[in-house]
Amino acid sequence: MINPYEAEIVANLDRAEESLQAAKVLQTGGYCDFAASRAYYGAFYAATAAVLQEGLQFSQHKGVIAAIHQRFVKTGRLEKQLGKDLNWLFELRSIADYGETRHVPPDEAQKAIAAAAAFISRIKEILGRS
């Protein structure tokens, strides 16, 4: 049976890859806040695809993240470190987007891109879409 969310799953995985590429371009240009934010969104879109594959939809980011932990991390399908990385990316995005006087340093932006890339890659493997 075809998943009724198939088109959304594909669109979210495409957005995940595009966001990751945008994060790299932004980081190269010195736009670390925006790079970190795009890195988070890359991981978030991949997470959204994963929960859609499970037949779940959420209206808030925290719902998607909680479902990743419940359905993937706690069951052992996704490594604990990748679950922690998703949480960290979410926190970093708050600084990037709403930090007022705080900014994401270049090394943190680079770490965010690496974490998002690993998360996206693993989710694609889990979903059989590498």
Protein backbone atom coordinates (compact mmCIF):
# COMPACT_ATOMS: atom_id res chain seq x y z
CA MET A 1 0.00 0.00 0.00
CA ILE A 2 1.27 3.45 -0.89
CA ASN A 3 1.73 5.84 2.01
CA PRO A 4 -0.85 8.64 1.69
CA TYR A 5 1.89 11.08 2.70
CA GLU A 6 4.32 9.95 -0.03
CA ALA A 7 4.37 13.27 -1.90
CA GLU A 8 4.94 15.16 1.36
CA ILE A 9 7.71 12.75 2.38
CA VAL A 10 9.52 13.30 -0.92
CA ALA A 11 9.03 17.08 -0.72
CA ASN A 12 10.39 17.20 2.83
CA LEU A 13 13.45 15.13 1.93
CA ASP A 14 14.09 17.45 -1.02
CA ARG A 15 13.76 20.48 1.27
CA ALA A 16 16.13 18.85 3.75
CA GLU A 17 18.84 18.55 1.10
CA GLU A 18 18.21 22.06 -0.25
CA SER A 19 18.35 23.55 3.25
CA LEU A 20 21.63 21.77 3.93
CA GLN A 21 23.13 23.14 0.71
CA ALA A 22 21.88 26.63 1.55
CA ALA A 23 23.44 26.34 5.03
CA LYS A 24 26.80 25.55 3.46
CA VAL A 25 26.58 28.55 1.12
CA LEU A 26 25.55 30.85 3.97
CA GLN A 27 28.33 29.61 6.24
CA THR A 28 30.91 30.14 3.47
CA GLY A 29 29.63 33.69 3.11
CA GLY A 30 30.03 34.34 6.83
CA TYR A 31 26.31 34.32 7.64
CA CYS A 32 26.60 31.98 10.61
CA ASP A 33 23.20 32.69 12.19
CA PHE A 34 21.42 31.96 8.93
CA ALA A 35 23.61 28.93 8.24
CA ALA A 36 22.74 27.43 11.63
CA SER A 37 19.06 28.11 11.09
CA ARG A 38 19.08 26.46 7.66
CA ALA A 39 21.03 23.49 9.06
CA TYR A 40 18.32 23.01 11.69
CA TYR A 41 15.60 23.23 9.06
CA GLY A 42 17.38 20.62 6.99
CA ALA A 43 17.26 18.22 9.92
CA PHE A 44 13.69 19.26 10.75
CA TYR A 45 12.46 18.52 7.22
CA ALA A 46 14.12 15.09 7.36
CA ALA A 47 12.51 14.48 10.76
CA THR A 48 9.14 15.53 9.35
CA ALA A 49 9.56 13.04 6.49
CA ALA A 50 10.33 10.30 9.02
CA VAL A 51 7.24 10.94 11.13
CA LEU A 52 5.08 11.19 8.01
CA GLN A 53 6.40 7.76 7.04
CA GLU A 54 5.00 6.60 10.39
CA GLY A 55 1.62 8.13 9.50
CA LEU A 56 1.97 11.03 11.95
CA GLN A 57 1.56 14.78 11.47
CA PHE A 58 2.29 17.59 13.92
CA SER A 59 1.63 21.32 13.86
CA GLN A 60 4.63 22.23 16.02
CA HIS A 61 8.34 21.56 15.81
CA LYS A 62 8.38 20.13 19.33
CA GLY A 63 5.81 17.52 18.31
CA VAL A 64 8.00 16.33 15.43
CA ILE A 65 11.07 16.22 17.66
CA ALA A 66 9.22 14.33 20.41
CA ALA A 67 7.96 11.80 17.84
CA ILE A 68 11.51 11.27 16.56
CA HIS A 69 12.62 10.44 20.09
CA GLN A 70 9.61 8.21 20.79
CA ARG A 71 9.44 6.35 17.46
CA PHE A 72 13.09 6.28 16.41
CA VAL A 73 15.54 6.95 19.24
CA LYS A 74 13.83 5.00 22.01
CA THR A 75 13.24 2.06 19.68
CA GLY A 76 16.89 2.00 18.62
CA ARG A 77 16.24 2.79 14.96
CA LEU A 78 18.08 6.11 15.31
CA GLU A 79 21.24 6.57 17.32
CA LYS A 80 20.88 8.51 20.59
CA GLN A 81 23.56 10.97 19.52
CA LEU A 82 21.55 11.93 16.44
CA GLY A 83 18.53 12.53 18.66
CA LYS A 84 20.66 14.76 20.88
CA ASP A 85 21.97 16.54 17.80
CA LEU A 86 18.41 17.30 16.68
CA ASN A 87 17.66 18.83 20.08
CA TRP A 88 20.87 20.88 19.94
CA LEU A 89 20.08 22.11 16.43
CA PHE A 90 16.64 23.21 17.64
CA GLU A 91 18.21 25.17 20.51
CA LEU A 92 20.86 26.68 18.24
CA ARG A 93 18.18 27.78 15.78
CA SER A 94 16.54 29.75 18.59
CA ILE A 95 19.77 31.67 19.09
CA ALA A 96 20.22 32.10 15.35
CA ASP A 97 16.69 33.36 14.75
CA TYR A 98 15.82 35.07 18.04
CA GLY A 99 19.08 35.59 19.94
CA GLU A 100 18.91 39.38 19.81
CA THR A 101 22.48 40.24 20.86
CA ARG A 102 23.73 36.64 20.80
CA HIS A 103 25.03 35.13 17.57
CA VAL A 104 26.12 31.71 16.39
CA PRO A 105 29.92 31.55 16.19
CA PRO A 106 31.50 30.19 12.99
CA ASP A 107 32.64 26.93 14.60
CA GLU A 108 29.12 26.25 15.90
CA ALA A 109 27.65 26.94 12.45
CA GLN A 110 30.09 24.42 10.98
CA LYS A 111 29.16 21.85 13.67
CA ALA A 112 25.47 22.48 12.94
CA ILE A 113 25.97 21.75 9.26
CA ALA A 114 27.84 18.54 10.02
CA ALA A 115 25.20 17.43 12.53
CA ALA A 116 22.37 18.18 10.11
CA ALA A 117 24.14 16.33 7.29
CA ALA A 118 24.60 13.23 9.47
CA PHE A 119 20.98 13.38 10.65
CA ILE A 120 19.58 13.77 7.13
CA SER A 121 21.75 10.97 5.79
CA ARG A 122 20.69 8.56 8.55
CA ILE A 123 16.99 9.38 8.20
CA LYS A 124 17.23 8.74 4.46
CA GLU A 125 18.86 5.37 5.20
CA ILE A 126 16.14 4.47 7.70
CA LEU A 127 13.46 5.39 5.17
CA GLY A 128 15.24 3.46 2.42
CA ARG A 129 15.83 6.58 0.35
CA SER A 130 19.62 6.96 0.39
